[in-house]
Amino acid sequence: MEESRGRVCVTGGTGFVGSWIIKRLLEDGYSVNTTIRSHPEQKKDVSFLTNLPGASQRLQILNADLSNPDSFKEAIEGCIGVFHVATPIDFEESEPEEVVTKRSIDGALGILKACVTSKSIKRVVYTSSAVTVSYGGKEDEAKDESSWSDVDFLRTLKIYGSSYAISKTLTEKAVLEFGEQNGLDVVTVIPPAVVGPFICSRLPVSVRPCLYFLFDNKEPSSYLEINMVHVDDLARAHMFLLEHPNPKGRYNCSTCLAAIEEVLEILSVKYPKFQIPTIDSLRDRNGLKFPYVSSKKLIDAGFEFKYGLEAMLVDLIECCVEKGYLES
């Protein structure tokens, strides 16, 4: 296989973020190993990955599962960097939180151990989530990288998706601690709601909550204010931190805190054919108001966001229409 900028590994390659990172890496001349979970009863359609420009020469797809951390060794061997994007997602809480958290931590640490053993890995970039900074301290205070969600508070709060928030918080802490204790260069990227176009085969889980007023009026995670980032900015931030000479620790990656009023105003102007509800009709929903997540550390390191709120929403809507999830 043709090598250029080096080979990297992306876990969770069939997901929204993982697949877009692969797309970006191939465009930038990297060779990529990606991992997907094998399904005993059905073969996954990965044509959206294999059809990417450069994929036939520089993309390898391997089977691995967080429940079996050793399964990642082959994908990591010979790579210079790892983007650990794969994560258990169980918003419906079909499994106990402890089970989901254990799988997430054991899988992540197994991957990091393989990185130490490989000798070729220079850096690991772990994809965390804004849920790891949003549930602690005062509700209205801005969250920087020193902020951590209070796991005990989340357990008592029992909000929709609380097990996901707990598992991501504890996994990120475990990943950073492992890096420090084992001399492995580990940085974490902390994105909020990810929006924008997608190449993966299914509607991303973050899309429906962001456009809940178009998809499902009973969406349990409706919001009044929510932090957002474009998927392309997020992918670029991952690559930026892989290539940065000396990144340290955690990096929030959020473009803006979007109020539902702004979102509705933009979409009502851009898409008058859609049945965009009025803000008054949504006020009684008791929607979530997330605290502002500051990306000052990432920006100060030299990263530039390319997409504003309108571009994020338009790119997302156009992709949903093109793929048949919304009717124009």
C-alpha atoms as a PDB file:
ATOM      1  CA  MET A   1       0.000   0.000   0.000  1.00  0.00           C
ATOM      2  CA  GLU A   2       1.154   3.516  -0.821  1.00  0.00           C
ATOM      3  CA  GLU A   3       2.383   5.361   2.265  1.00  0.00           C
ATOM      4  CA  SER A   4       2.678   9.134   2.486  1.00  0.00           C
ATOM      5  CA  ARG A   5       2.065  11.002   5.741  1.00  0.00           C
ATOM      6  CA  GLY A   6       2.111   7.843   7.833  1.00  0.00           C
ATOM      7  CA  ARG A   7      -0.468   5.333   9.007  1.00  0.00           C
ATOM      8  CA  VAL A   8      -2.996   6.063  11.748  1.00  0.00           C
ATOM      9  CA  CYS A   9      -5.768   4.050  13.375  1.00  0.00           C
ATOM     10  CA  VAL A  10      -9.378   5.254  13.786  1.00  0.00           C
ATOM     11  CA  THR A  11     -11.632   3.161  16.035  1.00  0.00           C
ATOM     12  CA  GLY A  12     -15.371   3.240  15.366  1.00  0.00           C
ATOM     13  CA  GLY A  13     -14.933   3.957  11.657  1.00  0.00           C
ATOM     14  CA  THR A  14     -18.570   3.442  10.670  1.00  0.00           C
ATOM     15  CA  GLY A  15     -19.885   6.139  13.016  1.00  0.00           C
ATOM     16  CA  PHE A  16     -20.680   9.769  12.255  1.00  0.00           C
ATOM     17  CA  VAL A  17     -17.464  11.273  13.618  1.00  0.00           C
ATOM     18  CA  GLY A  18     -15.155   8.349  12.900  1.00  0.00           C
ATOM     19  CA  SER A  19     -16.130   8.113   9.230  1.00  0.00           C
ATOM     20  CA  TRP A  20     -15.683  11.860   8.716  1.00  0.00           C
ATOM     21  CA  ILE A  21     -12.241  11.749  10.360  1.00  0.00           C
ATOM     22  CA  ILE A  22     -11.302   8.934   7.954  1.00  0.00           C
ATOM     23  CA  LYS A  23     -12.534  11.010   5.012  1.00  0.00           C
ATOM     24  CA  ARG A  24     -10.413  13.945   6.151  1.00  0.00           C
ATOM     25  CA  LEU A  25      -7.315  11.814   6.835  1.00  0.00           C
ATOM     26  CA  LEU A  26      -7.432  10.238   3.385  1.00  0.00           C
ATOM     27  CA  GLU A  27      -7.819  13.672   1.793  1.00  0.00           C
ATOM     28  CA  ASP A  28      -4.754  14.794   3.712  1.00  0.00           C
ATOM     29  CA  GLY A  29      -2.653  11.896   2.495  1.00  0.00           C
ATOM     30  CA  TYR A  30      -2.666   9.634   5.548  1.00  0.00           C
ATOM     31  CA  SER A  31      -3.007   5.868   5.393  1.00  0.00           C
ATOM     32  CA  VAL A  32      -5.735   4.629   7.730  1.00  0.00           C
ATOM     33  CA  ASN A  33      -6.540   1.466   9.626  1.00  0.00           C
ATOM     34  CA  THR A  34     -10.079   1.554  10.954  1.00  0.00           C
ATOM     35  CA  THR A  35     -11.949  -0.848  13.185  1.00  0.00           C
ATOM     36  CA  ILE A  36     -15.575  -1.897  12.997  1.00  0.00           C
ATOM     37  CA  ARG A  37     -17.591  -4.330  15.073  1.00  0.00           C
ATOM     38  CA  SER A  38     -18.365  -7.565  13.284  1.00  0.00           C
ATOM     39  CA  HIS A  39     -21.956  -8.802  13.452  1.00  0.00           C
ATOM     40  CA  PRO A  40     -22.466 -12.580  13.413  1.00  0.00           C
ATOM     41  CA  GLU A  41     -25.829 -12.341  11.647  1.00  0.00           C
ATOM     42  CA  GLN A  42     -25.263  -9.593   9.109  1.00  0.00           C
ATOM     43  CA  LYS A  43     -22.419  -8.064   7.182  1.00  0.00           C
ATOM     44  CA  LYS A  44     -22.063  -4.301   7.544  1.00  0.00           C
ATOM     45  CA  ASP A  45     -22.244  -2.169   4.428  1.00  0.00           C
ATOM     46  CA  VAL A  46     -18.992  -0.196   4.488  1.00  0.00           C
ATOM     47  CA  SER A  47     -19.169   1.025   0.888  1.00  0.00           C
ATOM     48  CA  PHE A  48     -19.406   4.623   2.147  1.00  0.00           C
ATOM     49  CA  LEU A  49     -15.857   4.101   3.446  1.00  0.00           C
ATOM     50  CA  THR A  50     -14.409   1.994   0.653  1.00  0.00           C
ATOM     51  CA  ASN A  51     -15.717   4.450  -1.968  1.00  0.00           C
ATOM     52  CA  LEU A  52     -13.883   7.412  -0.407  1.00  0.00           C
ATOM     53  CA  PRO A  53     -11.128   8.928  -2.584  1.00  0.00           C
ATOM     54  CA  GLY A  54      -7.857   7.230  -1.696  1.00  0.00           C
ATOM     55  CA  ALA A  55      -9.539   4.371   0.170  1.00  0.00           C
ATOM     56  CA  SER A  56      -8.577   1.650  -2.291  1.00  0.00           C
ATOM     57  CA  GLN A  57      -4.883   2.465  -1.780  1.00  0.00           C
ATOM     58  CA  ARG A  58      -4.728   3.709   1.809  1.00  0.00           C
ATOM     59  CA  LEU A  59      -7.607   2.309   3.878  1.00  0.00           C
ATOM     60  CA  GLN A  60      -7.692  -1.000   5.723  1.00  0.00           C
ATOM     61  CA  ILE A  61     -10.841  -2.124   7.575  1.00  0.00           C
ATOM     62  CA  LEU A  62     -10.418  -4.571  10.445  1.00  0.00           C
ATOM     63  CA  ASN A  63     -12.811  -6.136  12.959  1.00  0.00           C
ATOM     64  CA  ALA A  64     -12.476  -5.205  16.631  1.00  0.00           C
ATOM     65  CA  ASP A  65     -14.774  -4.837  19.636  1.00  0.00           C
ATOM     66  CA  LEU A  66     -14.443  -2.884  22.896  1.00  0.00           C
ATOM     67  CA  SER A  67     -15.593  -6.022  24.712  1.00  0.00           C
ATOM     68  CA  ASN A  68     -12.358  -7.652  23.528  1.00  0.00           C
ATOM     69  CA  PRO A  69      -9.625  -4.993  23.822  1.00  0.00           C
ATOM     70  CA  ASP A  70      -6.966  -7.361  22.468  1.00  0.00           C
ATOM     71  CA  SER A  71      -8.818  -7.310  19.146  1.00  0.00           C
ATOM     72  CA  PHE A  72      -7.431  -3.818  18.432  1.00  0.00           C
ATOM     73  CA  LYS A  73      -3.764  -4.872  18.418  1.00  0.00           C
ATOM     74  CA  GLU A  74      -3.599  -5.651  14.703  1.00  0.00           C
ATOM     75  CA  ALA A  75      -5.164  -2.311  13.747  1.00  0.00           C
ATOM     76  CA  ILE A  76      -2.744  -0.355  15.970  1.00  0.00           C
ATOM     77  CA  GLU A  77       0.457  -2.140  14.959  1.00  0.00           C
ATOM     78  CA  GLY A  78       2.670   0.054  12.774  1.00  0.00           C
ATOM     79  CA  CYS A  79       0.611   3.231  13.265  1.00  0.00           C
ATOM     80  CA  ILE A  80       2.014   6.579  14.392  1.00  0.00           C
ATOM     81  CA  GLY A  81      -1.226   7.736  15.995  1.00  0.00           C
ATOM     82  CA  VAL A  82      -4.607   6.497  17.189  1.00  0.00           C
ATOM     83  CA  PHE A  83      -7.940   8.304  17.166  1.00  0.00           C
ATOM     84  CA  HIS A  84     -10.079   6.428  19.685  1.00  0.00           C
ATOM     85  CA  VAL A  85     -13.600   7.410  18.644  1.00  0.00           C
ATOM     86  CA  ALA A  86     -15.554   4.196  19.312  1.00  0.00           C
ATOM     87  CA  THR A  87     -17.751   4.269  22.408  1.00  0.00           C
ATOM     88  CA  PRO A  88     -20.711   2.306  23.792  1.00  0.00           C
ATOM     89  CA  ILE A  89     -23.893   4.342  23.259  1.00  0.00           C
ATOM     90  CA  ASP A  90     -26.935   3.250  25.242  1.00  0.00           C
ATOM     91  CA  PHE A  91     -29.236   6.242  25.652  1.00  0.00           C
ATOM     92  CA  GLU A  92     -32.180   3.902  26.190  1.00  0.00           C
ATOM     93  CA  GLU A  93     -30.241   2.344  29.107  1.00  0.00           C
ATOM     94  CA  SER A  94     -30.942  -1.245  28.095  1.00  0.00           C
ATOM     95  CA  GLU A  95     -27.890  -2.242  30.157  1.00  0.00           C
ATOM     96  CA  PRO A  96     -26.896  -1.138  33.673  1.00  0.00           C
ATOM     97  CA  GLU A  97     -24.657   1.929  33.767  1.00  0.00           C
ATOM     98  CA  GLU A  98     -21.901  -0.083  35.467  1.00  0.00           C
ATOM     99  CA  VAL A  99     -21.799  -2.542  32.556  1.00  0.00           C
ATOM    100  CA  VAL A 100     -21.584   0.201  29.927  1.00  0.00           C
ATOM    101  CA  THR A 101     -18.912   2.057  31.896  1.00  0.00           C
ATOM    102  CA  LYS A 102     -16.798  -1.045  32.416  1.00  0.00           C
ATOM    103  CA  ARG A 103     -16.901  -1.885  28.709  1.00  0.00           C
ATOM    104  CA  SER A 104     -15.950   1.678  27.808  1.00  0.00           C
ATOM    105  CA  ILE A 105     -13.032   1.888  30.279  1.00  0.00           C
ATOM    106  CA  ASP A 106     -11.720  -1.623  29.663  1.00  0.00           C
ATOM    107  CA  GLY A 107     -11.862  -1.105  25.919  1.00  0.00           C
ATOM    108  CA  ALA A 108     -10.091   2.254  26.074  1.00  0.00           C
ATOM    109  CA  LEU A 109      -7.358   1.030  28.415  1.00  0.00           C
ATOM    110  CA  GLY A 110      -6.866  -2.096  26.323  1.00  0.00           C
ATOM    111  CA  ILE A 111      -6.303   0.108  23.280  1.00  0.00           C
ATOM    112  CA  LEU A 112      -3.837   2.285  25.206  1.00  0.00           C
ATOM    113  CA  LYS A 113      -1.926  -0.780  26.396  1.00  0.00           C
ATOM    114  CA  ALA A 114      -1.631  -1.926  22.782  1.00  0.00           C
ATOM    115  CA  CYS A 115      -0.305   1.549  21.927  1.00  0.00           C
ATOM    116  CA  VAL A 116       2.420   1.239  24.567  1.00  0.00           C
ATOM    117  CA  THR A 117       3.348  -2.226  23.324  1.00  0.00           C
ATOM    118  CA  SER A 118       3.447  -1.193  19.661  1.00  0.00           C
ATOM    119  CA  LYS A 119       6.396   1.216  20.164  1.00  0.00           C
ATOM    120  CA  SER A 120       5.378   3.117  16.998  1.00  0.00           C
ATOM    121  CA  ILE A 121       2.521   5.206  18.455  1.00  0.00           C
ATOM    122  CA  LYS A 122       3.491   8.827  19.033  1.00  0.00           C
ATOM    123  CA  ARG A 123       0.132  10.104  20.267  1.00  0.00           C
ATOM    124  CA  VAL A 124      -3.426   9.008  21.092  1.00  0.00           C
ATOM    125  CA  VAL A 125      -6.337  11.396  20.546  1.00  0.00           C
ATOM    126  CA  TYR A 126      -9.411  10.307  22.523  1.00  0.00           C
ATOM    127  CA  THR A 127     -12.877  11.554  21.556  1.00  0.00           C
ATOM    128  CA  SER A 128     -14.688  12.537  24.731  1.00  0.00           C
ATOM    129  CA  SER A 129     -17.935  14.522  25.013  1.00  0.00           C
ATOM    130  CA  ALA A 130     -19.191  17.792  26.463  1.00  0.00           C
ATOM    131  CA  VAL A 131     -21.219  15.695  28.915  1.00  0.00           C
ATOM    132  CA  THR A 132     -17.912  15.266  30.800  1.00  0.00           C
ATOM    133  CA  VAL A 133     -17.767  19.010  31.601  1.00  0.00           C
ATOM    134  CA  SER A 134     -21.430  20.100  31.702  1.00  0.00           C
ATOM    135  CA  TYR A 135     -22.824  18.590  34.916  1.00  0.00           C
ATOM    136  CA  GLY A 136     -20.867  20.092  37.773  1.00  0.00           C
ATOM    137  CA  GLY A 137     -20.554  23.446  39.556  1.00  0.00           C
ATOM    138  CA  LYS A 138     -22.973  26.273  38.852  1.00  0.00           C
ATOM    139  CA  GLU A 139     -25.341  25.648  35.964  1.00  0.00           C
ATOM    140  CA  ASP A 140     -24.787  29.042  34.355  1.00  0.00           C
ATOM    141  CA  GLU A 141     -20.991  29.222  34.572  1.00  0.00           C
ATOM    142  CA  ALA A 142     -18.828  28.711  31.483  1.00  0.00           C
ATOM    143  CA  LYS A 143     -17.060  25.365  31.301  1.00  0.00           C
ATOM    144  CA  ASP A 144     -13.372  25.106  30.479  1.00  0.00           C
ATOM    145  CA  GLU A 145     -11.040  22.110  30.553  1.00  0.00           C
ATOM    146  CA  SER A 146     -10.768  22.245  34.350  1.00  0.00           C
ATOM    147  CA  SER A 147     -14.496  21.440  34.607  1.00  0.00           C
ATOM    148  CA  TRP A 148     -15.580  17.863  35.292  1.00  0.00           C
ATOM    149  CA  SER A 149     -19.095  16.487  35.529  1.00  0.00           C
ATOM    150  CA  ASP A 150     -20.057  15.196  38.962  1.00  0.00           C
ATOM    151  CA  VAL A 151     -20.732  11.464  38.529  1.00  0.00           C
ATOM    152  CA  ASP A 152     -22.596  11.153  41.837  1.00  0.00           C
ATOM    153  CA  PHE A 153     -24.796  14.088  40.835  1.00  0.00           C
ATOM    154  CA  LEU A 154     -25.520  12.421  37.476  1.00  0.00           C
ATOM    155  CA  ARG A 155     -26.504   9.201  39.225  1.00  0.00           C
ATOM    156  CA  THR A 156     -29.029  11.036  41.403  1.00  0.00           C
ATOM    157  CA  LEU A 157     -30.219  13.256  38.551  1.00  0.00           C
ATOM    158  CA  LYS A 158     -31.122  10.285  36.324  1.00  0.00           C
ATOM    159  CA  ILE A 159     -31.552  12.376  33.202  1.00  0.00           C
ATOM    160  CA  TYR A 160     -31.982  10.913  29.720  1.00  0.00           C
ATOM    161  CA  GLY A 161     -28.603   9.483  28.694  1.00  0.00           C
ATOM    162  CA  SER A 162     -27.079   9.740  32.172  1.00  0.00           C
ATOM    163  CA  SER A 163     -25.293   6.391  31.832  1.00  0.00           C
ATOM    164  CA  TYR A 164     -23.579   7.690  28.695  1.00  0.00           C
ATOM    165  CA  ALA A 165     -22.476  10.848  30.530  1.00  0.00           C
ATOM    166  CA  ILE A 166     -21.122   8.808  33.442  1.00  0.00           C
ATOM    167  CA  SER A 167     -19.260   6.335  31.232  1.00  0.00           C
ATOM    168  CA  LYS A 168     -17.689   9.113  29.126  1.00  0.00           C
ATOM    169  CA  THR A 169     -16.601  11.057  32.220  1.00  0.00           C
ATOM    170  CA  LEU A 170     -15.010   8.079  33.941  1.00  0.00           C
ATOM    171  CA  THR A 171     -13.424   6.817  30.710  1.00  0.00           C
ATOM    172  CA  GLU A 172     -11.837  10.171  29.910  1.00  0.00           C
ATOM    173  CA  LYS A 173     -10.372  10.357  33.418  1.00  0.00           C
ATOM    174  CA  ALA A 174      -9.024   6.799  33.093  1.00  0.00           C
ATOM    175  CA  VAL A 175      -7.501   7.529  29.678  1.00  0.00           C
ATOM    176  CA  LEU A 176      -5.680  10.648  30.887  1.00  0.00           C
ATOM    177  CA  GLU A 177      -4.480   8.908  34.040  1.00  0.00           C
ATOM    178  CA  PHE A 178      -3.141   5.944  32.045  1.00  0.00           C
ATOM    179  CA  GLY A 179      -1.241   8.288  29.748  1.00  0.00           C
ATOM    180  CA  GLU A 180       0.413  10.053  32.662  1.00  0.00           C
ATOM    181  CA  GLN A 181       1.330   6.832  34.453  1.00  0.00           C
ATOM    182  CA  ASN A 182       2.696   5.060  31.386  1.00  0.00           C
ATOM    183  CA  GLY A 183       4.473   7.849  29.536  1.00  0.00           C
ATOM    184  CA  LEU A 184       1.993   7.721  26.643  1.00  0.00           C
ATOM    185  CA  ASP A 185       1.115  10.998  24.908  1.00  0.00           C
ATOM    186  CA  VAL A 186      -2.684  11.210  25.292  1.00  0.00           C
ATOM    187  CA  VAL A 187      -4.909  14.197  24.542  1.00  0.00           C
ATOM    188  CA  THR A 188      -8.695  14.371  24.613  1.00  0.00           C
ATOM    189  CA  VAL A 189     -11.127  16.242  22.356  1.00  0.00           C
ATOM    190  CA  ILE A 190     -14.387  17.298  24.001  1.00  0.00           C
ATOM    191  CA  PRO A 191     -17.151  17.985  21.447  1.00  0.00           C
ATOM    192  CA  PRO A 192     -20.727  19.066  22.184  1.00  0.00           C
ATOM    193  CA  ALA A 193     -23.617  18.207  19.841  1.00  0.00           C
ATOM    194  CA  VAL A 194     -22.079  17.378  16.469  1.00  0.00           C
ATOM    195  CA  VAL A 195     -23.954  18.606  13.380  1.00  0.00           C
ATOM    196  CA  GLY A 196     -23.306  18.906   9.673  1.00  0.00           C
ATOM    197  CA  PRO A 197     -23.260  16.450   6.758  1.00  0.00           C
ATOM    198  CA  PHE A 198     -22.633  12.746   7.224  1.00  0.00           C
ATOM    199  CA  ILE A 199     -21.432   9.872   5.071  1.00  0.00           C
ATOM    200  CA  CYS A 200     -22.279   7.043   7.498  1.00  0.00           C
ATOM    201  CA  SER A 201     -25.114   4.703   6.584  1.00  0.00           C
ATOM    202  CA  ARG A 202     -27.496   5.636   9.408  1.00  0.00           C
ATOM    203  CA  LEU A 203     -28.863   8.889  10.784  1.00  0.00           C
ATOM    204  CA  PRO A 204     -26.354   9.973  13.467  1.00  0.00           C
ATOM    205  CA  VAL A 205     -27.670   9.902  17.032  1.00  0.00           C
ATOM    206  CA  SER A 206     -26.786  13.587  17.544  1.00  0.00           C
ATOM    207  CA  VAL A 207     -28.890  14.777  14.608  1.00  0.00           C
ATOM    208  CA  ARG A 208     -32.353  13.940  15.858  1.00  0.00           C
ATOM    209  CA  PRO A 209     -31.969  15.833  19.186  1.00  0.00           C
ATOM    210  CA  CYS A 210     -30.578  18.894  17.359  1.00  0.00           C
ATOM    211  CA  LEU A 211     -33.548  18.970  14.984  1.00  0.00           C
ATOM    212  CA  TYR A 212     -36.089  17.488  17.397  1.00  0.00           C
ATOM    213  CA  PHE A 213     -38.777  19.942  16.293  1.00  0.00           C
ATOM    214  CA  LEU A 214     -38.588  18.516  12.747  1.00  0.00           C
ATOM    215  CA  PHE A 215     -38.154  14.832  13.551  1.00  0.00           C
ATOM    216  CA  ASP A 216     -40.143  14.017  16.649  1.00  0.00           C
ATOM    217  CA  ASN A 217     -42.152  16.297  18.871  1.00  0.00           C
ATOM    218  CA  LYS A 218     -41.665  13.819  21.742  1.00  0.00           C
ATOM    219  CA  GLU A 219     -37.856  13.805  21.630  1.00  0.00           C
ATOM    220  CA  PRO A 220     -36.770  13.388  25.299  1.00  0.00           C
ATOM    221  CA  SER A 221     -33.635  15.528  24.956  1.00  0.00           C
ATOM    222  CA  SER A 222     -35.093  18.716  23.499  1.00  0.00           C
ATOM    223  CA  TYR A 223     -33.099  21.861  24.269  1.00  0.00           C
ATOM    224  CA  LEU A 224     -33.443  25.598  24.743  1.00  0.00           C
ATOM    225  CA  GLU A 225     -29.672  26.219  24.568  1.00  0.00           C
ATOM    226  CA  ILE A 226     -27.070  23.747  23.324  1.00  0.00           C
ATOM    227  CA  ASN A 227     -23.416  23.866  22.304  1.00  0.00           C
ATOM    228  CA  MET A 228     -22.741  22.791  18.715  1.00  0.00           C
ATOM    229  CA  VAL A 229     -19.801  22.018  16.431  1.00  0.00           C
ATOM    230  CA  HIS A 230     -19.624  21.168  12.733  1.00  0.00           C
ATOM    231  CA  VAL A 231     -18.397  17.625  12.099  1.00  0.00           C
ATOM    232  CA  ASP A 232     -15.705  18.905   9.742  1.00  0.00           C
ATOM    233  CA  ASP A 233     -14.327  21.310  12.344  1.00  0.00           C
ATOM    234  CA  LEU A 234     -14.315  18.445  14.833  1.00  0.00           C
ATOM    235  CA  ALA A 235     -12.421  16.157  12.453  1.00  0.00           C
ATOM    236  CA  ARG A 236      -9.933  18.937  11.718  1.00  0.00           C
ATOM    237  CA  ALA A 237      -9.450  19.493  15.463  1.00  0.00           C
ATOM    238  CA  HIS A 238      -8.581  15.818  15.932  1.00  0.00           C
ATOM    239  CA  MET A 239      -5.963  16.040  13.194  1.00  0.00           C
ATOM    240  CA  PHE A 240      -4.685  19.373  14.517  1.00  0.00           C
ATOM    241  CA  LEU A 241      -4.030  17.815  17.916  1.00  0.00           C
ATOM    242  CA  LEU A 242      -2.331  14.778  16.370  1.00  0.00           C
ATOM    243  CA  GLU A 243       0.039  17.055  14.460  1.00  0.00           C
ATOM    244  CA  HIS A 244       0.524  19.738  17.135  1.00  0.00           C
ATOM    245  CA  PRO A 245       4.101  19.733  18.509  1.00  0.00           C
ATOM    246  CA  ASN A 246       3.137  19.724  22.174  1.00  0.00           C
ATOM    247  CA  PRO A 247      -0.555  19.506  23.109  1.00  0.00           C
ATOM    248  CA  LYS A 248      -1.490  18.908  26.730  1.00  0.00           C
ATOM    249  CA  GLY A 249      -4.496  17.222  28.284  1.00  0.00           C
ATOM    250  CA  ARG A 250      -8.065  18.154  27.408  1.00  0.00           C
ATOM    251  CA  TYR A 251      -9.409  20.406  24.636  1.00  0.00           C
ATOM    252  CA  ASN A 252     -12.998  21.599  24.384  1.00  0.00           C
ATOM    253  CA  CYS A 253     -14.122  21.771  20.754  1.00  0.00           C
ATOM    254  CA  SER A 254     -17.330  23.799  20.559  1.00  0.00           C
ATOM    255  CA  THR A 255     -18.149  26.540  18.067  1.00  0.00           C
ATOM    256  CA  CYS A 256     -21.090  28.211  19.783  1.00  0.00           C
ATOM    257  CA  LEU A 257     -23.869  27.985  22.319  1.00  0.00           C
ATOM    258  CA  ALA A 258     -26.984  28.012  20.149  1.00  0.00           C
ATOM    259  CA  ALA A 259     -30.313  29.197  21.520  1.00  0.00           C
ATOM    260  CA  ILE A 260     -33.394  27.515  20.091  1.00  0.00           C
ATOM    261  CA  GLU A 261     -34.631  30.986  19.022  1.00  0.00           C
ATOM    262  CA  GLU A 262     -31.575  31.393  16.758  1.00  0.00           C
ATOM    263  CA  VAL A 263     -31.980  27.936  15.279  1.00  0.00           C
ATOM    264  CA  LEU A 264     -35.668  28.425  14.499  1.00  0.00           C
ATOM    265  CA  GLU A 265     -35.046  31.865  12.995  1.00  0.00           C
ATOM    266  CA  ILE A 266     -32.313  30.593  10.658  1.00  0.00           C
ATOM    267  CA  LEU A 267     -34.317  27.598   9.501  1.00  0.00           C
ATOM    268  CA  SER A 268     -37.594  29.491   9.030  1.00  0.00           C
ATOM    269  CA  VAL A 269     -35.803  31.891   6.652  1.00  0.00           C
ATOM    270  CA  LYS A 270     -33.769  29.233   4.829  1.00  0.00           C
ATOM    271  CA  TYR A 271     -36.497  26.568   4.654  1.00  0.00           C
ATOM    272  CA  PRO A 272     -39.941  28.189   4.554  1.00  0.00           C
ATOM    273  CA  LYS A 273     -41.401  24.930   3.166  1.00  0.00           C
ATOM    274  CA  PHE A 274     -40.679  23.138   6.433  1.00  0.00           C
ATOM    275  CA  GLN A 275     -43.159  23.313   9.269  1.00  0.00           C
ATOM    276  CA  ILE A 276     -40.882  25.237  11.627  1.00  0.00           C
ATOM    277  CA  PRO A 277     -42.626  25.730  14.981  1.00  0.00           C
ATOM    278  CA  THR A 278     -42.739  29.087  16.740  1.00  0.00           C
ATOM    279  CA  ILE A 279     -40.607  29.624  19.819  1.00  0.00           C
ATOM    280  CA  ASP A 280     -43.761  30.135  21.886  1.00  0.00           C
ATOM    281  CA  SER A 281     -44.941  26.627  21.022  1.00  0.00           C
ATOM    282  CA  LEU A 282     -41.708  25.170  22.436  1.00  0.00           C
ATOM    283  CA  ARG A 283     -41.366  27.208  25.618  1.00  0.00           C
ATOM    284  CA  ASP A 284     -43.459  24.849  27.723  1.00  0.00           C
ATOM    285  CA  ARG A 285     -41.352  21.778  26.903  1.00  0.00           C
ATOM    286  CA  ASN A 286     -38.928  22.257  29.805  1.00  0.00           C
ATOM    287  CA  GLY A 287     -36.066  21.878  27.364  1.00  0.00           C
ATOM    288  CA  LEU A 288     -32.456  21.577  28.477  1.00  0.00           C
ATOM    289  CA  LYS A 289     -30.223  24.628  28.857  1.00  0.00           C
ATOM    290  CA  PHE A 290     -26.561  23.657  28.699  1.00  0.00           C
ATOM    291  CA  PRO A 291     -23.789  25.892  30.056  1.00  0.00           C
ATOM    292  CA  TYR A 292     -21.420  27.574  27.604  1.00  0.00           C
ATOM    293  CA  VAL A 293     -18.426  25.382  26.734  1.00  0.00           C
ATOM    294  CA  SER A 294     -15.331  27.502  26.057  1.00  0.00           C
ATOM    295  CA  SER A 295     -12.869  26.462  23.333  1.00  0.00           C
ATOM    296  CA  LYS A 296     -10.332  29.173  24.222  1.00  0.00           C
ATOM    297  CA  LYS A 297      -7.565  26.638  24.905  1.00  0.00           C
ATOM    298  CA  LEU A 298      -7.925  25.059  21.457  1.00  0.00           C
ATOM    299  CA  ILE A 299      -8.098  28.441  19.717  1.00  0.00           C
ATOM    300  CA  ASP A 300      -5.091  29.729  21.662  1.00  0.00           C
ATOM    301  CA  ALA A 301      -3.185  26.656  20.447  1.00  0.00           C
ATOM    302  CA  GLY A 302      -3.745  27.877  16.882  1.00  0.00           C
ATOM    303  CA  PHE A 303      -6.908  26.100  15.759  1.00  0.00           C
ATOM    304  CA  GLU A 304      -9.470  27.998  13.658  1.00  0.00           C
ATOM    305  CA  PHE A 305     -13.144  27.062  13.399  1.00  0.00           C
ATOM    306  CA  LYS A 306     -14.491  27.375   9.850  1.00  0.00           C
ATOM    307  CA  TYR A 307     -18.240  26.970  10.289  1.00  0.00           C
ATOM    308  CA  GLY A 308     -20.762  29.194  12.012  1.00  0.00           C
ATOM    309  CA  LEU A 309     -24.231  28.196  13.210  1.00  0.00           C
ATOM    310  CA  GLU A 310     -26.018  28.873   9.923  1.00  0.00           C
ATOM    311  CA  ALA A 311     -23.529  26.812   7.887  1.00  0.00           C
ATOM    312  CA  MET A 312     -23.790  23.961  10.400  1.00  0.00           C
ATOM    313  CA  LEU A 313     -27.581  23.848  10.203  1.00  0.00           C
ATOM    314  CA  VAL A 314     -27.754  24.237   6.418  1.00  0.00           C
ATOM    315  CA  ASP A 315     -25.188  21.483   5.839  1.00  0.00           C
ATOM    316  CA  LEU A 316     -27.108  19.195   8.177  1.00  0.00           C
ATOM    317  CA  ILE A 317     -30.534  19.893   6.646  1.00  0.00           C
ATOM    318  CA  GLU A 318     -29.256  19.517   3.076  1.00  0.00           C
ATOM    319  CA  CYS A 319     -27.683  16.168   3.917  1.00  0.00           C
ATOM    320  CA  CYS A 320     -30.852  14.907   5.659  1.00  0.00           C
ATOM    321  CA  VAL A 321     -32.927  15.912   2.617  1.00  0.00           C
ATOM    322  CA  GLU A 322     -30.472  14.317   0.184  1.00  0.00           C
ATOM    323  CA  LYS A 323     -30.486  11.033   2.119  1.00  0.00           C
ATOM    324  CA  GLY A 324     -34.278  10.989   2.498  1.00  0.00           C
ATOM    325  CA  TYR A 325     -34.541  11.642   6.245  1.00  0.00           C
ATOM    326  CA  LEU A 326     -36.385  14.918   5.680  1.00  0.00           C
ATOM    327  CA  GLU A 327     -38.710  15.947   2.849  1.00  0.00           C
ATOM    328  CA  SER A 328     -37.952  19.314   1.274  1.00  0.00           C
END
